[in-house]
C-alpha atoms as a PDB file:
ATOM      1  CA  MET A   1       7.108   1.608  11.084  1.00  0.00           C
ATOM      2  CA  VAL A   2       8.142   4.208   8.649  1.00  0.00           C
ATOM      3  CA  LEU A   3       6.041   7.272   8.122  1.00  0.00           C
ATOM      4  CA  PRO A   4       6.628   7.850   4.616  1.00  0.00           C
ATOM      5  CA  LEU A   5       5.645   4.186   3.644  1.00  0.00           C
ATOM      6  CA  LEU A   6       2.458   4.608   5.809  1.00  0.00           C
ATOM      7  CA  LEU A   7       1.545   7.841   3.904  1.00  0.00           C
ATOM      8  CA  LEU A   8       2.179   6.177   0.625  1.00  0.00           C
ATOM      9  CA  VAL A   9      -0.237   3.367   1.496  1.00  0.00           C
ATOM     10  CA  VAL A  10      -2.849   5.886   2.716  1.00  0.00           C
ATOM     11  CA  ALA A  11      -2.462   8.171  -0.386  1.00  0.00           C
ATOM     12  CA  LEU A  12      -2.834   4.958  -2.631  1.00  0.00           C
ATOM     13  CA  CYS A  13      -5.914   3.845  -0.705  1.00  0.00           C
ATOM     14  CA  ALA A  14      -7.384   7.157  -0.966  1.00  0.00           C
ATOM     15  CA  ALA A  15      -6.858   7.288  -4.814  1.00  0.00           C
ATOM     16  CA  LEU A  16      -8.105   3.759  -5.359  1.00  0.00           C
ATOM     17  CA  ALA A  17     -11.171   4.556  -3.223  1.00  0.00           C
ATOM     18  CA  GLY A  18     -11.808   7.663  -5.438  1.00  0.00           C
ATOM     19  CA  TRP A  19     -11.500   5.807  -8.618  1.00  0.00           C
ATOM     20  CA  ALA A  20     -13.973   3.126  -7.148  1.00  0.00           C
ATOM     21  CA  VAL A  21     -16.336   5.896  -6.058  1.00  0.00           C
ATOM     22  CA  TRP A  22     -16.216   7.268  -9.562  1.00  0.00           C
ATOM     23  CA  PHE A  23     -17.245   3.813 -10.922  1.00  0.00           C
ATOM     24  CA  VAL A  24     -20.026   3.829  -8.479  1.00  0.00           C
ATOM     25  CA  VAL A  25     -21.263   7.173  -9.754  1.00  0.00           C
ATOM     26  CA  ARG A  26     -21.136   5.700 -13.311  1.00  0.00           C
ATOM     27  CA  ASP A  27     -22.814   2.539 -12.216  1.00  0.00           C
ATOM     28  CA  ARG A  28     -19.958   0.387 -13.381  1.00  0.00           C
ATOM     29  CA  ALA A  29     -18.380  -2.795 -11.860  1.00  0.00           C
ATOM     30  CA  VAL A  30     -14.728  -2.962 -10.709  1.00  0.00           C
ATOM     31  CA  ILE A  31     -12.237  -3.594 -13.650  1.00  0.00           C
ATOM     32  CA  LEU A  32      -8.943  -5.589 -13.508  1.00  0.00           C
ATOM     33  CA  ASN A  33      -6.745  -2.430 -13.429  1.00  0.00           C
ATOM     34  CA  GLN A  34      -8.403  -1.425 -10.174  1.00  0.00           C
ATOM     35  CA  LEU A  35      -7.640  -5.019  -8.645  1.00  0.00           C
ATOM     36  CA  TRP A  36      -4.028  -4.490  -9.827  1.00  0.00           C
ATOM     37  CA  GLY A  37      -4.039  -1.340  -7.809  1.00  0.00           C
ATOM     38  CA  GLY A  38      -5.183  -3.254  -4.749  1.00  0.00           C
ATOM     39  CA  ALA A  39      -2.502  -5.663  -5.270  1.00  0.00           C
ATOM     40  CA  VAL A  40       0.033  -3.014  -5.224  1.00  0.00           C
ATOM     41  CA  ILE A  41      -1.257  -1.599  -2.056  1.00  0.00           C
ATOM     42  CA  GLU A  42      -1.214  -5.301  -0.639  1.00  0.00           C
ATOM     43  CA  ALA A  43       2.406  -5.642  -1.629  1.00  0.00           C
ATOM     44  CA  LEU A  44       3.294  -2.328   0.211  1.00  0.00           C
ATOM     45  CA  LEU A  45       1.151  -3.628   3.258  1.00  0.00           C
ATOM     46  CA  LEU A  46       3.371  -6.773   3.279  1.00  0.00           C
ATOM     47  CA  VAL A  47       6.495  -4.657   3.039  1.00  0.00           C
ATOM     48  CA  GLN A  48       5.226  -2.635   5.842  1.00  0.00           C
ATOM     49  CA  ALA A  49       4.622  -5.696   7.979  1.00  0.00           C
ATOM     50  CA  VAL A  50       8.318  -6.807   7.441  1.00  0.00           C
ATOM     51  CA  VAL A  51       9.581  -3.319   8.334  1.00  0.00           C
ATOM     52  CA  ALA A  52       7.383  -3.269  11.426  1.00  0.00           C
ATOM     53  CA  ALA A  53       8.533  -6.805  12.503  1.00  0.00           C
ATOM     54  CA  VAL A  54      12.385  -5.698  12.195  1.00  0.00           C
ATOM     55  CA  ALA A  55      11.497  -2.358  13.935  1.00  0.00           C
ATOM     56  CA  GLY A  56       9.634  -4.355  16.766  1.00  0.00           C
ATOM     57  CA  ALA A  57      12.539  -6.772  17.049  1.00  0.00           C
ATOM     58  CA  ARG A  58      14.779  -3.725  17.747  1.00  0.00           C
ATOM     59  CA  GLY A  59      12.577  -2.575  20.552  1.00  0.00           C
ATOM     60  CA  GLU A  60      11.073   0.260  18.685  1.00  0.00           C
ATOM     61  CA  GLY A  61       7.301   1.002  19.058  1.00  0.00           C
ATOM     62  CA  GLU A  62       5.659   2.295  22.329  1.00  0.00           C
ATOM     63  CA  GLY A  63       2.176   0.911  21.977  1.00  0.00           C
ATOM     64  CA  ASP A  64       0.632  -2.305  22.651  1.00  0.00           C
ATOM     65  CA  PRO A  65       2.128  -5.049  20.384  1.00  0.00           C
ATOM     66  CA  LEU A  66      -0.781  -7.243  20.451  1.00  0.00           C
ATOM     67  CA  LEU A  67      -3.191  -4.493  19.453  1.00  0.00           C
ATOM     68  CA  PHE A  68      -0.712  -3.225  16.644  1.00  0.00           C
ATOM     69  CA  TRP A  69      -0.322  -6.770  15.082  1.00  0.00           C
ATOM     70  CA  GLY A  70      -4.099  -7.399  15.297  1.00  0.00           C
ATOM     71  CA  TYR A  71      -4.702  -4.046  13.185  1.00  0.00           C
ATOM     72  CA  LEU A  72      -1.882  -5.071  10.782  1.00  0.00           C
ATOM     73  CA  ALA A  73      -3.292  -8.696  10.306  1.00  0.00           C
ATOM     74  CA  THR A  74      -6.777  -7.070   9.588  1.00  0.00           C
ATOM     75  CA  THR A  75      -5.267  -4.663   7.043  1.00  0.00           C
ATOM     76  CA  LEU A  76      -3.591  -7.537   5.324  1.00  0.00           C
ATOM     77  CA  VAL A  77      -6.804  -9.411   5.055  1.00  0.00           C
ATOM     78  CA  ILE A  78      -9.326  -6.667   3.907  1.00  0.00           C
ATOM     79  CA  LEU A  79      -8.159  -5.966   0.302  1.00  0.00           C
ATOM     80  CA  PRO A  80      -7.795  -9.608  -0.781  1.00  0.00           C
ATOM     81  CA  VAL A  81     -11.355 -10.279   0.528  1.00  0.00           C
ATOM     82  CA  ALA A  82     -12.721  -7.187  -1.201  1.00  0.00           C
ATOM     83  CA  ALA A  83     -10.856  -8.104  -4.391  1.00  0.00           C
ATOM     84  CA  ALA A  84     -12.513 -11.627  -4.310  1.00  0.00           C
ATOM     85  CA  TRP A  85     -15.929 -10.176  -3.477  1.00  0.00           C
ATOM     86  CA  ALA A  86     -15.461  -7.569  -6.316  1.00  0.00           C
ATOM     87  CA  PHE A  87     -14.456 -10.235  -8.809  1.00  0.00           C
ATOM     88  CA  ALA A  88     -17.428 -12.342  -7.892  1.00  0.00           C
ATOM     89  CA  GLU A  89     -19.951  -9.515  -7.927  1.00  0.00           C
ATOM     90  CA  ARG A  90     -20.095  -7.886 -11.448  1.00  0.00           C
ATOM     91  CA  THR A  91     -22.384  -4.996 -10.565  1.00  0.00           C
ATOM     92  CA  ARG A  92     -21.790  -1.441  -9.130  1.00  0.00           C
ATOM     93  CA  TRP A  93     -21.678  -2.903  -5.608  1.00  0.00           C
ATOM     94  CA  SER A  94     -18.280  -4.412  -6.406  1.00  0.00           C
ATOM     95  CA  SER A  95     -16.983  -0.805  -6.618  1.00  0.00           C
ATOM     96  CA  VAL A  96     -18.744   0.021  -3.374  1.00  0.00           C
ATOM     97  CA  VAL A  97     -17.041  -2.848  -1.876  1.00  0.00           C
ATOM     98  CA  LEU A  98     -13.658  -1.815  -3.014  1.00  0.00           C
ATOM     99  CA  ALA A  99     -14.080   1.654  -2.019  1.00  0.00           C
ATOM    100  CA  VAL A 100     -15.230   0.843   1.491  1.00  0.00           C
ATOM    101  CA  ALA A 101     -12.253  -1.561   1.795  1.00  0.00           C
ATOM    102  CA  CYS A 102      -9.735   1.028   0.781  1.00  0.00           C
ATOM    103  CA  LEU A 103     -11.018   3.578   3.223  1.00  0.00           C
ATOM    104  CA  THR A 104     -10.964   0.935   5.990  1.00  0.00           C
ATOM    105  CA  VAL A 105      -7.383   0.160   5.245  1.00  0.00           C
ATOM    106  CA  ALA A 106      -6.522   3.851   5.113  1.00  0.00           C
ATOM    107  CA  PHE A 107      -8.219   4.367   8.525  1.00  0.00           C
ATOM    108  CA  LEU A 108      -6.550   1.326  10.060  1.00  0.00           C
ATOM    109  CA  GLU A 109      -3.187   2.639   8.967  1.00  0.00           C
ATOM    110  CA  TRP A 110      -3.670   5.921  10.758  1.00  0.00           C
ATOM    111  CA  ARG A 111      -4.646   3.949  13.892  1.00  0.00           C
ATOM    112  CA  MET A 112      -1.674   1.617  13.754  1.00  0.00           C
ATOM    113  CA  TRP A 113       0.531   4.756  13.650  1.00  0.00           C
ATOM    114  CA  GLN A 114      -1.104   6.025  16.709  1.00  0.00           C
ATOM    115  CA  ILE A 115      -0.587   2.725  18.390  1.00  0.00           C
ATOM    116  CA  TRP A 116       3.071   2.425  17.322  1.00  0.00           C
ATOM    117  CA  THR A 117       3.865   5.999  18.588  1.00  0.00           C
ATOM    118  CA  GLY A 118       1.834   5.502  21.822  1.00  0.00           C
ATOM    119  CA  ALA A 119      -0.381   8.294  21.128  1.00  0.00           C
END
């Protein structure tokens, strides 16, 4: 794993979560631009998965590979499910779902880093 990529994903997740919380406060549903933001994060997560696969094939990473790939698979699923839910739910709760999903992905990223480094 590459730390700058992880930090970028976490920062974008925090920014999108903040944007979603602002919509919660204003009692608004998720808009298409927020879903595009989630798509950018998802693309970065896919790049991260490829980088991790190459690094893992080289023998890098000190932690449990099964646990690491379980976390990575979970991060890849969370945002698309949240986006589908937000698209279907046209109330302020769609913004809540998006905010929680982004914060969950950010937390899982930090946990994956801990697993990768063996901390």
